[in-house]
Amino acid sequence: MQMGIQTERLQLRILHPNEADKVLIFYSQNKDQFEPWEPERDVNFYTLSYQRLSLSIEYNLMQQSKLLRYWVFLKEDPHTIIGSVNFYNITKGSYYTCQLGYKFDRRFVGRGYATESIREAMQVLLTDYEIHRIEANIMPSNLRSIHLVQKLGFQYEGLAISSIKINHKWEDHARYAFINTVN
């Protein structure tokens, strides 16, 4: 597991639980932007203790190769999170598949940071984890995310009807997949 990645403009890092304050600030500042696209949050989500525990659980899952999450920072400001890229539900055996998740601070959207960080993180996943298939499930109204995954080489596979509960309502999600043709 690579603990960090450097790109031209960014640092991608796995965080220790003692950095939960950075995560809490990131989520709190972007609550209105993130919540329309995600499942309902736990009542304690916006607390330091919750984020500390979450980072600890994530680290344990990464040690088991079931999850990979990088927090994204600008090289010129390595103390402020601008985004997150994660690959979850990593399944090996005859599948070698996972799901892609990402989110970026509203102040940094539209500058290519998501493309740059996801592309680099995917290389780690495809090489070190030998993943064959990465899936992304996106609400059809989220055109920005659809454009992003298409730019990264994901192909549309179909519509999953009533597949994920968002804000107390079952929502359809467009399924996109990236297939690793190298392995």
N, C-alpha and C. Protein backbone atom coordinates (compact mmCIF):
# COMPACT_ATOMS: atom_id res chain seq x y z
N MET A 1 0.86 -1.18 0.00
CA MET A 1 0.00 0.00 0.00
C MET A 1 0.90 1.24 0.00
N GLN A 2 0.73 2.07 -1.01
CA GLN A 2 1.48 3.32 -1.07
C GLN A 2 0.80 4.35 -0.17
N MET A 3 1.54 4.88 0.78
CA MET A 3 0.98 5.84 1.74
C MET A 3 0.76 7.21 1.13
N GLY A 4 1.45 7.49 0.02
CA GLY A 4 1.28 8.79 -0.60
C GLY A 4 1.67 8.77 -2.06
N ILE A 5 1.13 9.73 -2.80
CA ILE A 5 1.41 9.90 -4.22
C ILE A 5 1.64 11.38 -4.46
N GLN A 6 2.62 11.68 -5.27
CA GLN A 6 2.86 13.07 -5.69
C GLN A 6 2.49 13.20 -7.16
N THR A 7 1.73 14.22 -7.50
CA THR A 7 1.47 14.55 -8.90
C THR A 7 2.11 15.92 -9.15
N GLU A 8 1.90 16.44 -10.32
CA GLU A 8 2.46 17.74 -10.64
C GLU A 8 2.00 18.82 -9.67
N ARG A 9 0.72 18.78 -9.29
CA ARG A 9 0.15 19.84 -8.46
C ARG A 9 -0.33 19.38 -7.09
N LEU A 10 -0.40 18.06 -6.88
CA LEU A 10 -1.11 17.54 -5.72
C LEU A 10 -0.27 16.55 -4.90
N GLN A 11 -0.69 16.42 -3.64
CA GLN A 11 -0.24 15.33 -2.77
C GLN A 11 -1.47 14.51 -2.42
N LEU A 12 -1.39 13.21 -2.59
CA LEU A 12 -2.45 12.30 -2.16
C LEU A 12 -1.87 11.49 -1.01
N ARG A 13 -2.58 11.49 0.13
CA ARG A 13 -2.05 10.84 1.32
C ARG A 13 -3.11 10.02 2.03
N ILE A 14 -2.66 8.93 2.63
CA ILE A 14 -3.48 8.18 3.57
C ILE A 14 -3.30 8.87 4.92
N LEU A 15 -4.39 9.16 5.59
CA LEU A 15 -4.31 9.92 6.84
C LEU A 15 -4.38 9.02 8.06
N HIS A 16 -3.69 9.45 9.10
CA HIS A 16 -3.71 8.81 10.42
C HIS A 16 -4.90 9.38 11.20
N PRO A 17 -5.48 8.62 12.11
CA PRO A 17 -6.61 9.13 12.90
C PRO A 17 -6.35 10.45 13.63
N ASN A 18 -5.09 10.76 13.92
CA ASN A 18 -4.82 12.03 14.61
C ASN A 18 -4.98 13.24 13.67
N GLU A 19 -5.29 12.99 12.40
CA GLU A 19 -5.56 14.08 11.45
C GLU A 19 -7.06 14.23 11.17
N ALA A 20 -7.88 13.67 12.06
CA ALA A 20 -9.33 13.70 11.88
C ALA A 20 -9.88 15.13 11.85
N ASP A 21 -9.19 16.07 12.49
CA ASP A 21 -9.66 17.46 12.47
C ASP A 21 -9.71 18.00 11.04
N LYS A 22 -8.74 17.62 10.20
CA LYS A 22 -8.73 18.07 8.81
C LYS A 22 -9.93 17.50 8.05
N VAL A 23 -10.22 16.24 8.31
CA VAL A 23 -11.35 15.58 7.65
C VAL A 23 -12.67 16.22 8.08
N LEU A 24 -12.81 16.49 9.37
CA LEU A 24 -14.03 17.11 9.87
C LEU A 24 -14.25 18.49 9.24
N ILE A 25 -13.20 19.27 9.13
CA ILE A 25 -13.30 20.59 8.49
C ILE A 25 -13.74 20.43 7.03
N PHE A 26 -13.12 19.51 6.32
CA PHE A 26 -13.45 19.26 4.91
C PHE A 26 -14.93 18.92 4.74
N TYR A 27 -15.43 17.97 5.53
CA TYR A 27 -16.83 17.58 5.42
C TYR A 27 -17.77 18.70 5.87
N SER A 28 -17.44 19.38 6.94
CA SER A 28 -18.32 20.44 7.46
C SER A 28 -18.43 21.59 6.48
N GLN A 29 -17.33 21.97 5.86
CA GLN A 29 -17.35 23.08 4.90
C GLN A 29 -18.08 22.74 3.61
N ASN A 30 -18.26 21.46 3.32
CA ASN A 30 -18.87 21.03 2.05
C ASN A 30 -20.15 20.24 2.23
N LYS A 31 -20.72 20.32 3.43
CA LYS A 31 -21.92 19.55 3.76
C LYS A 31 -23.03 19.75 2.72
N ASP A 32 -23.34 20.98 2.37
CA ASP A 32 -24.43 21.25 1.42
C ASP A 32 -24.12 20.72 0.03
N GLN A 33 -22.86 20.67 -0.33
CA GLN A 33 -22.49 20.18 -1.65
C GLN A 33 -22.52 18.66 -1.72
N PHE A 34 -22.09 17.97 -0.67
CA PHE A 34 -21.96 16.52 -0.70
C PHE A 34 -23.27 15.79 -0.44
N GLU A 35 -24.04 16.26 0.50
CA GLU A 35 -25.20 15.48 0.97
C GLU A 35 -26.26 15.17 -0.09
N PRO A 36 -26.51 16.04 -1.09
CA PRO A 36 -27.51 15.66 -2.10
C PRO A 36 -27.15 14.42 -2.92
N TRP A 37 -25.89 14.01 -2.91
CA TRP A 37 -25.42 12.91 -3.75
C TRP A 37 -25.08 11.65 -2.96
N GLU A 38 -25.23 11.68 -1.64
CA GLU A 38 -24.75 10.58 -0.82
C GLU A 38 -25.84 10.03 0.10
N PRO A 39 -25.64 8.79 0.58
CA PRO A 39 -26.58 8.24 1.56
C PRO A 39 -26.62 9.09 2.82
N GLU A 40 -27.69 8.96 3.57
CA GLU A 40 -27.86 9.73 4.81
C GLU A 40 -26.71 9.47 5.78
N ARG A 41 -26.26 10.53 6.41
CA ARG A 41 -25.14 10.45 7.36
C ARG A 41 -25.61 10.02 8.74
N ASP A 42 -24.73 9.34 9.46
CA ASP A 42 -24.95 9.00 10.84
C ASP A 42 -25.10 10.30 11.64
N VAL A 43 -25.85 10.28 12.71
CA VAL A 43 -26.11 11.47 13.52
C VAL A 43 -24.81 12.07 14.07
N ASN A 44 -23.80 11.25 14.29
CA ASN A 44 -22.53 11.72 14.85
C ASN A 44 -21.47 12.03 13.79
N PHE A 45 -21.84 11.96 12.52
CA PHE A 45 -20.86 12.09 11.44
C PHE A 45 -20.01 13.35 11.57
N TYR A 46 -20.62 14.46 11.91
CA TYR A 46 -19.90 15.74 11.97
C TYR A 46 -19.31 16.00 13.36
N THR A 47 -18.65 14.96 13.88
CA THR A 47 -17.93 15.10 15.15
C THR A 47 -16.50 14.59 14.97
N LEU A 48 -15.62 15.12 15.76
CA LEU A 48 -14.21 14.72 15.70
C LEU A 48 -14.04 13.25 16.05
N SER A 49 -14.76 12.77 17.04
CA SER A 49 -14.63 11.37 17.45
C SER A 49 -15.07 10.43 16.33
N TYR A 50 -16.13 10.78 15.63
CA TYR A 50 -16.61 9.95 14.52
C TYR A 50 -15.54 9.89 13.42
N GLN A 51 -14.99 11.03 13.06
CA GLN A 51 -14.00 11.06 11.99
C GLN A 51 -12.71 10.34 12.39
N ARG A 52 -12.33 10.44 13.65
CA ARG A 52 -11.15 9.73 14.14
C ARG A 52 -11.38 8.22 14.03
N LEU A 53 -12.54 7.76 14.47
CA LEU A 53 -12.87 6.34 14.38
C LEU A 53 -12.95 5.88 12.92
N SER A 54 -13.53 6.71 12.08
CA SER A 54 -13.65 6.39 10.65
C SER A 54 -12.27 6.20 10.01
N LEU A 55 -11.33 7.11 10.32
CA LEU A 55 -9.98 6.98 9.78
C LEU A 55 -9.30 5.70 10.28
N SER A 56 -9.55 5.35 11.52
CA SER A 56 -8.98 4.13 12.08
C SER A 56 -9.54 2.89 11.39
N ILE A 57 -10.84 2.85 11.20
CA ILE A 57 -11.49 1.72 10.52
C ILE A 57 -10.99 1.63 9.08
N GLU A 58 -10.91 2.78 8.40
CA GLU A 58 -10.43 2.79 7.03
C GLU A 58 -9.01 2.24 6.94
N TYR A 59 -8.15 2.64 7.88
CA TYR A 59 -6.77 2.17 7.85
C TYR A 59 -6.73 0.65 8.01
N ASN A 60 -7.53 0.11 8.91
CA ASN A 60 -7.58 -1.34 9.08
C ASN A 60 -8.07 -2.03 7.81
N LEU A 61 -9.06 -1.47 7.15
CA LEU A 61 -9.55 -2.05 5.89
C LEU A 61 -8.48 -1.96 4.80
N MET A 62 -7.70 -0.88 4.80
CA MET A 62 -6.62 -0.76 3.82
C MET A 62 -5.54 -1.81 4.08
N GLN A 63 -5.27 -2.10 5.35
CA GLN A 63 -4.29 -3.13 5.69
C GLN A 63 -4.75 -4.51 5.18
N GLN A 64 -6.06 -4.69 5.07
CA GLN A 64 -6.64 -5.95 4.58
C GLN A 64 -6.87 -5.92 3.07
N SER A 65 -6.46 -4.84 2.40
CA SER A 65 -6.65 -4.66 0.94
C SER A 65 -8.11 -4.67 0.54
N LYS A 66 -8.99 -4.14 1.40
CA LYS A 66 -10.41 -4.06 1.09
C LYS A 66 -10.85 -2.64 0.74
N LEU A 67 -9.96 -1.69 0.95
CA LEU A 67 -10.26 -0.27 0.73
C LEU A 67 -8.95 0.44 0.44
N LEU A 68 -9.05 1.50 -0.36
CA LEU A 68 -7.92 2.38 -0.57
C LEU A 68 -8.47 3.80 -0.65
N ARG A 69 -8.08 4.67 0.29
CA ARG A 69 -8.55 6.06 0.27
C ARG A 69 -7.34 6.99 0.39
N TYR A 70 -7.32 7.93 -0.55
CA TYR A 70 -6.33 9.00 -0.49
C TYR A 70 -7.06 10.32 -0.27
N TRP A 71 -6.52 11.12 0.62
CA TRP A 71 -7.00 12.48 0.83
C TRP A 71 -6.11 13.37 -0.02
N VAL A 72 -6.72 14.35 -0.66
CA VAL A 72 -6.02 15.16 -1.66
C VAL A 72 -5.71 16.54 -1.09
N PHE A 73 -4.45 16.96 -1.29
CA PHE A 73 -3.96 18.27 -0.83
C PHE A 73 -3.24 18.95 -1.99
N LEU A 74 -3.30 20.26 -2.04
CA LEU A 74 -2.45 21.00 -2.97
C LEU A 74 -1.02 20.93 -2.45
N LYS A 75 -0.05 20.81 -3.34
CA LYS A 75 1.35 20.79 -2.90
C LYS A 75 1.70 22.06 -2.15
N GLU A 76 1.12 23.19 -2.58
CA GLU A 76 1.44 24.47 -1.93
C GLU A 76 0.73 24.66 -0.60
N ASP A 77 -0.24 23.78 -0.28
CA ASP A 77 -0.95 23.84 1.00
C ASP A 77 -1.19 22.42 1.51
N PRO A 78 -0.15 21.77 2.03
CA PRO A 78 -0.26 20.36 2.43
C PRO A 78 -1.01 20.12 3.74
N HIS A 79 -1.72 21.12 4.24
CA HIS A 79 -2.43 20.97 5.51
C HIS A 79 -3.95 21.04 5.34
N THR A 80 -4.42 21.42 4.15
CA THR A 80 -5.85 21.58 3.91
C THR A 80 -6.34 20.57 2.88
N ILE A 81 -7.29 19.74 3.26
CA ILE A 81 -7.85 18.75 2.34
C ILE A 81 -8.70 19.47 1.30
N ILE A 82 -8.45 19.13 0.01
CA ILE A 82 -9.31 19.67 -1.06
C ILE A 82 -10.18 18.58 -1.67
N GLY A 83 -9.90 17.32 -1.33
CA GLY A 83 -10.70 16.24 -1.90
C GLY A 83 -10.33 14.88 -1.33
N SER A 84 -11.04 13.90 -1.82
CA SER A 84 -10.83 12.52 -1.40
C SER A 84 -11.13 11.60 -2.58
N VAL A 85 -10.29 10.59 -2.74
CA VAL A 85 -10.48 9.56 -3.76
C VAL A 85 -10.44 8.22 -3.04
N ASN A 86 -11.45 7.40 -3.25
CA ASN A 86 -11.42 6.10 -2.59
C ASN A 86 -11.94 5.00 -3.48
N PHE A 87 -11.41 3.82 -3.23
CA PHE A 87 -11.83 2.61 -3.91
C PHE A 87 -12.27 1.66 -2.81
N TYR A 88 -13.51 1.26 -2.84
CA TYR A 88 -14.09 0.46 -1.76
C TYR A 88 -14.72 -0.80 -2.33
N ASN A 89 -15.13 -1.68 -1.44
CA ASN A 89 -15.65 -3.00 -1.84
C ASN A 89 -14.66 -3.71 -2.74
N ILE A 90 -13.38 -3.61 -2.40
CA ILE A 90 -12.36 -4.30 -3.19
C ILE A 90 -12.55 -5.81 -2.99
N THR A 91 -12.76 -6.49 -4.09
CA THR A 91 -12.99 -7.93 -4.08
C THR A 91 -11.98 -8.59 -5.00
N LYS A 92 -11.32 -9.60 -4.48
CA LYS A 92 -10.32 -10.30 -5.31
C LYS A 92 -10.89 -11.64 -5.73
N GLY A 93 -10.11 -12.69 -5.70
CA GLY A 93 -10.60 -14.00 -6.15
C GLY A 93 -10.83 -13.98 -7.65
N SER A 94 -11.98 -14.40 -8.09
CA SER A 94 -12.27 -14.41 -9.53
C SER A 94 -12.84 -13.08 -10.01
N TYR A 95 -12.98 -12.08 -9.12
CA TYR A 95 -13.57 -10.79 -9.50
C TYR A 95 -12.53 -9.70 -9.75
N TYR A 96 -11.67 -9.43 -8.79
CA TYR A 96 -10.71 -8.32 -8.86
C TYR A 96 -11.40 -7.04 -9.31
N THR A 97 -12.36 -6.63 -8.49
CA THR A 97 -13.19 -5.47 -8.81
C THR A 97 -13.32 -4.57 -7.60
N CYS A 98 -13.80 -3.36 -7.82
CA CYS A 98 -14.05 -2.42 -6.73
C CYS A 98 -14.96 -1.29 -7.22
N GLN A 99 -15.33 -0.43 -6.28
CA GLN A 99 -16.15 0.74 -6.57
C GLN A 99 -15.30 2.00 -6.38
N LEU A 100 -15.56 3.00 -7.20
CA LEU A 100 -14.88 4.29 -7.10
C LEU A 100 -15.77 5.29 -6.39
N GLY A 101 -15.17 6.05 -5.49
CA GLY A 101 -15.84 7.17 -4.85
C GLY A 101 -14.89 8.35 -4.79
N TYR A 102 -15.43 9.55 -4.86
CA TYR A 102 -14.60 10.75 -4.80
C TYR A 102 -15.47 11.93 -4.43
N LYS A 103 -14.82 12.94 -3.88
CA LYS A 103 -15.51 14.20 -3.56
C LYS A 103 -14.46 15.28 -3.46
N PHE A 104 -14.82 16.48 -3.88
CA PHE A 104 -13.88 17.61 -3.85
C PHE A 104 -14.57 18.85 -3.31
N ASP A 105 -13.80 19.60 -2.55
CA ASP A 105 -14.24 20.87 -2.00
C ASP A 105 -14.76 21.75 -3.14
N ARG A 106 -15.90 22.38 -2.91
CA ARG A 106 -16.54 23.20 -3.96
C ARG A 106 -15.62 24.28 -4.50
N ARG A 107 -14.68 24.75 -3.71
CA ARG A 107 -13.77 25.81 -4.15
C ARG A 107 -12.73 25.31 -5.16
N PHE A 108 -12.61 23.97 -5.29
CA PHE A 108 -11.56 23.40 -6.13
C PHE A 108 -12.11 22.55 -7.28
N VAL A 109 -13.42 22.63 -7.49
CA VAL A 109 -14.06 21.88 -8.57
C VAL A 109 -13.83 22.61 -9.89
N GLY A 110 -13.67 21.85 -10.96
CA GLY A 110 -13.52 22.43 -12.29
C GLY A 110 -12.11 22.85 -12.65
N ARG A 111 -11.13 22.41 -11.88
CA ARG A 111 -9.73 22.78 -12.13
C ARG A 111 -8.87 21.58 -12.55
N GLY A 112 -9.50 20.43 -12.72
CA GLY A 112 -8.76 19.24 -13.13
C GLY A 112 -8.15 18.45 -11.99
N TYR A 113 -8.36 18.88 -10.75
CA TYR A 113 -7.77 18.17 -9.62
C TYR A 113 -8.35 16.77 -9.45
N ALA A 114 -9.65 16.62 -9.68
CA ALA A 114 -10.28 15.30 -9.55
C ALA A 114 -9.71 14.35 -10.60
N THR A 115 -9.62 14.79 -11.83
CA THR A 115 -9.07 13.96 -12.90
C THR A 115 -7.64 13.55 -12.58
N GLU A 116 -6.83 14.50 -12.18
CA GLU A 116 -5.42 14.25 -11.87
C GLU A 116 -5.26 13.25 -10.73
N SER A 117 -6.01 13.45 -9.66
CA SER A 117 -5.85 12.58 -8.49
C SER A 117 -6.44 11.19 -8.72
N ILE A 118 -7.59 11.10 -9.35
CA ILE A 118 -8.19 9.78 -9.60
C ILE A 118 -7.32 8.98 -10.55
N ARG A 119 -6.82 9.63 -11.60
CA ARG A 119 -5.97 8.93 -12.57
C ARG A 119 -4.74 8.33 -11.88
N GLU A 120 -4.09 9.10 -11.01
CA GLU A 120 -2.90 8.61 -10.31
C GLU A 120 -3.25 7.51 -9.31
N ALA A 121 -4.33 7.68 -8.58
CA ALA A 121 -4.74 6.66 -7.61
C ALA A 121 -5.14 5.37 -8.32
N MET A 122 -5.76 5.49 -9.49
CA MET A 122 -6.13 4.29 -10.26
C MET A 122 -4.89 3.49 -10.64
N GLN A 123 -3.80 4.17 -10.95
CA GLN A 123 -2.57 3.46 -11.32
C GLN A 123 -2.07 2.59 -10.16
N VAL A 124 -2.14 3.12 -8.95
CA VAL A 124 -1.76 2.33 -7.77
C VAL A 124 -2.68 1.12 -7.65
N LEU A 125 -3.96 1.35 -7.78
CA LEU A 125 -4.95 0.28 -7.65
C LEU A 125 -4.74 -0.80 -8.71
N LEU A 126 -4.56 -0.38 -9.95
CA LEU A 126 -4.42 -1.34 -11.05
C LEU A 126 -3.10 -2.11 -10.96
N THR A 127 -2.06 -1.45 -10.52
CA THR A 127 -0.74 -2.09 -10.44
C THR A 127 -0.57 -2.90 -9.16
N ASP A 128 -0.72 -2.26 -8.02
CA ASP A 128 -0.45 -2.91 -6.73
C ASP A 128 -1.55 -3.90 -6.32
N TYR A 129 -2.79 -3.60 -6.64
CA TYR A 129 -3.91 -4.45 -6.24
C TYR A 129 -4.36 -5.38 -7.37
N GLU A 130 -3.83 -5.16 -8.57
CA GLU A 130 -4.15 -5.94 -9.76
C GLU A 130 -5.65 -5.97 -10.06
N ILE A 131 -6.31 -4.86 -9.83
CA ILE A 131 -7.76 -4.77 -10.07
C ILE A 131 -8.03 -4.82 -11.58
N HIS A 132 -9.05 -5.59 -11.94
CA HIS A 132 -9.45 -5.73 -13.34
C HIS A 132 -10.58 -4.76 -13.72
N ARG A 133 -11.49 -4.51 -12.77
CA ARG A 133 -12.69 -3.72 -13.08
C ARG A 133 -12.96 -2.73 -11.96
N ILE A 134 -13.15 -1.46 -12.33
CA ILE A 134 -13.52 -0.41 -11.38
C ILE A 134 -14.89 0.10 -11.80
N GLU A 135 -15.84 0.10 -10.88
CA GLU A 135 -17.19 0.57 -11.18
C GLU A 135 -17.45 1.92 -10.52
N ALA A 136 -18.25 2.74 -11.18
CA ALA A 136 -18.70 4.01 -10.63
C ALA A 136 -20.21 4.09 -10.85
N ASN A 137 -20.95 4.31 -9.77
CA ASN A 137 -22.40 4.45 -9.85
C ASN A 137 -22.74 5.92 -9.59
N ILE A 138 -23.40 6.55 -10.57
CA ILE A 138 -23.61 7.99 -10.54
C ILE A 138 -25.07 8.30 -10.83
N MET A 139 -25.64 9.21 -10.04
CA MET A 139 -27.01 9.64 -10.32
C MET A 139 -27.02 10.31 -11.70
N PRO A 140 -27.98 9.98 -12.55
CA PRO A 140 -28.01 10.52 -13.91
C PRO A 140 -28.00 12.05 -13.99
N SER A 141 -28.47 12.72 -12.94
CA SER A 141 -28.47 14.18 -12.95
C SER A 141 -27.10 14.78 -12.61
N ASN A 142 -26.15 13.96 -12.19
CA ASN A 142 -24.82 14.43 -11.81
C ASN A 142 -23.92 14.44 -13.05
N LEU A 143 -24.17 15.38 -13.93
CA LEU A 143 -23.49 15.44 -15.22
C LEU A 143 -21.99 15.68 -15.08
N ARG A 144 -21.59 16.44 -14.08
CA ARG A 144 -20.16 16.70 -13.87
C ARG A 144 -19.41 15.40 -13.59
N SER A 145 -19.98 14.54 -12.74
CA SER A 145 -19.33 13.26 -12.44
C SER A 145 -19.34 12.32 -13.64
N ILE A 146 -20.42 12.33 -14.39
CA ILE A 146 -20.48 11.49 -15.59
C ILE A 146 -19.39 11.91 -16.57
N HIS A 147 -19.24 13.19 -16.79
CA HIS A 147 -18.19 13.69 -17.69
C HIS A 147 -16.80 13.28 -17.17
N LEU A 148 -16.59 13.37 -15.88
CA LEU A 148 -15.30 13.03 -15.28
C LEU A 148 -14.94 11.56 -15.53
N VAL A 149 -15.84 10.64 -15.22
CA VAL A 149 -15.50 9.23 -15.39
C VAL A 149 -15.33 8.87 -16.86
N GLN A 150 -16.09 9.50 -17.73
CA GLN A 150 -15.90 9.25 -19.16
C GLN A 150 -14.51 9.71 -19.61
N LYS A 151 -14.07 10.86 -19.10
CA LYS A 151 -12.74 11.37 -19.42
C LYS A 151 -11.66 10.40 -18.94
N LEU A 152 -11.93 9.68 -17.87
CA LEU A 152 -10.97 8.72 -17.31
C LEU A 152 -11.03 7.35 -17.99
N GLY A 153 -11.91 7.19 -18.97
CA GLY A 153 -11.99 5.94 -19.71
C GLY A 153 -13.05 4.96 -19.26
N PHE A 154 -13.96 5.39 -18.38
CA PHE A 154 -15.06 4.54 -17.96
C PHE A 154 -16.12 4.50 -19.06
N GLN A 155 -16.75 3.35 -19.23
CA GLN A 155 -17.80 3.16 -20.22
C GLN A 155 -19.15 2.96 -19.53
N TYR A 156 -20.19 3.53 -20.12
CA TYR A 156 -21.54 3.38 -19.61
C TYR A 156 -22.00 1.94 -19.82
N GLU A 157 -22.57 1.33 -18.78
CA GLU A 157 -23.05 -0.04 -18.88
C GLU A 157 -24.56 -0.18 -18.71
N GLY A 158 -25.21 0.83 -18.16
CA GLY A 158 -26.65 0.74 -18.00
C GLY A 158 -27.13 1.49 -16.77
N LEU A 159 -28.43 1.42 -16.56
CA LEU A 159 -29.06 2.13 -15.46
C LEU A 159 -29.51 1.13 -14.41
N ALA A 160 -29.05 1.31 -13.19
CA ALA A 160 -29.48 0.49 -12.06
C ALA A 160 -30.68 1.20 -11.42
N ILE A 161 -31.83 0.65 -11.59
CA ILE A 161 -33.08 1.26 -11.13
C ILE A 161 -33.18 1.15 -9.61
N SER A 162 -33.52 2.27 -8.98
CA SER A 162 -33.79 2.30 -7.54
C SER A 162 -32.70 1.59 -6.74
N SER A 163 -31.43 1.96 -6.99
CA SER A 163 -30.31 1.17 -6.47
C SER A 163 -29.67 1.67 -5.18
N ILE A 164 -29.71 2.99 -4.93
CA ILE A 164 -29.06 3.53 -3.74
C ILE A 164 -30.00 4.54 -3.09
N LYS A 165 -30.14 4.44 -1.76
CA LYS A 165 -31.02 5.35 -1.02
C LYS A 165 -30.28 6.64 -0.71
N ILE A 166 -30.76 7.73 -1.26
CA ILE A 166 -30.17 9.06 -1.08
C ILE A 166 -31.24 9.97 -0.49
N ASN A 167 -30.96 10.56 0.66
CA ASN A 167 -31.93 11.47 1.30
C ASN A 167 -33.32 10.85 1.42
N HIS A 168 -33.37 9.62 1.94
CA HIS A 168 -34.63 8.91 2.22
C HIS A 168 -35.39 8.49 0.96
N LYS A 169 -34.74 8.51 -0.21
CA LYS A 169 -35.42 8.16 -1.46
C LYS A 169 -34.52 7.25 -2.29
N TRP A 170 -35.10 6.17 -2.79
CA TRP A 170 -34.34 5.27 -3.66
C TRP A 170 -34.13 5.94 -5.01
N GLU A 171 -32.86 6.03 -5.40
CA GLU A 171 -32.49 6.73 -6.64
C GLU A 171 -31.88 5.77 -7.65
N ASP A 172 -32.18 6.03 -8.92
CA ASP A 172 -31.53 5.31 -10.01
C ASP A 172 -30.08 5.78 -10.10
N HIS A 173 -29.21 4.90 -10.55
CA HIS A 173 -27.81 5.26 -10.76
C HIS A 173 -27.32 4.69 -12.08
N ALA A 174 -26.63 5.52 -12.84
CA ALA A 174 -25.98 5.07 -14.06
C ALA A 174 -24.72 4.32 -13.66
N ARG A 175 -24.51 3.17 -14.25
CA ARG A 175 -23.33 2.36 -13.93
C ARG A 175 -22.30 2.53 -15.04
N TYR A 176 -21.10 2.91 -14.60
CA TYR A 176 -19.96 3.04 -15.50
C TYR A 176 -18.87 2.10 -15.01
N ALA A 177 -18.05 1.61 -15.93
CA ALA A 177 -16.96 0.72 -15.54
C ALA A 177 -15.71 1.00 -16.35
N PHE A 178 -14.59 0.88 -15.66
CA PHE A 178 -13.27 0.93 -16.29
C PHE A 178 -12.73 -0.49 -16.26
N ILE A 179 -12.33 -1.00 -17.40
CA ILE A 179 -11.79 -2.36 -17.47
C ILE A 179 -10.28 -2.26 -17.73
N ASN A 180 -9.51 -2.90 -16.87
CA ASN A 180 -8.07 -2.94 -17.01
C ASN A 180 -7.72 -4.01 -18.04
N THR A 181 -7.30 -3.59 -19.20
CA THR A 181 -6.99 -4.54 -20.28
C THR A 181 -5.55 -5.04 -20.22
N VAL A 182 -4.76 -4.53 -19.26
CA VAL A 182 -3.36 -4.93 -19.15
C VAL A 182 -3.21 -6.27 -18.45
N ASN A 183 -4.04 -6.54 -17.42
CA ASN A 183 -3.88 -7.83 -16.70
C ASN A 183 -5.01 -8.77 -16.99
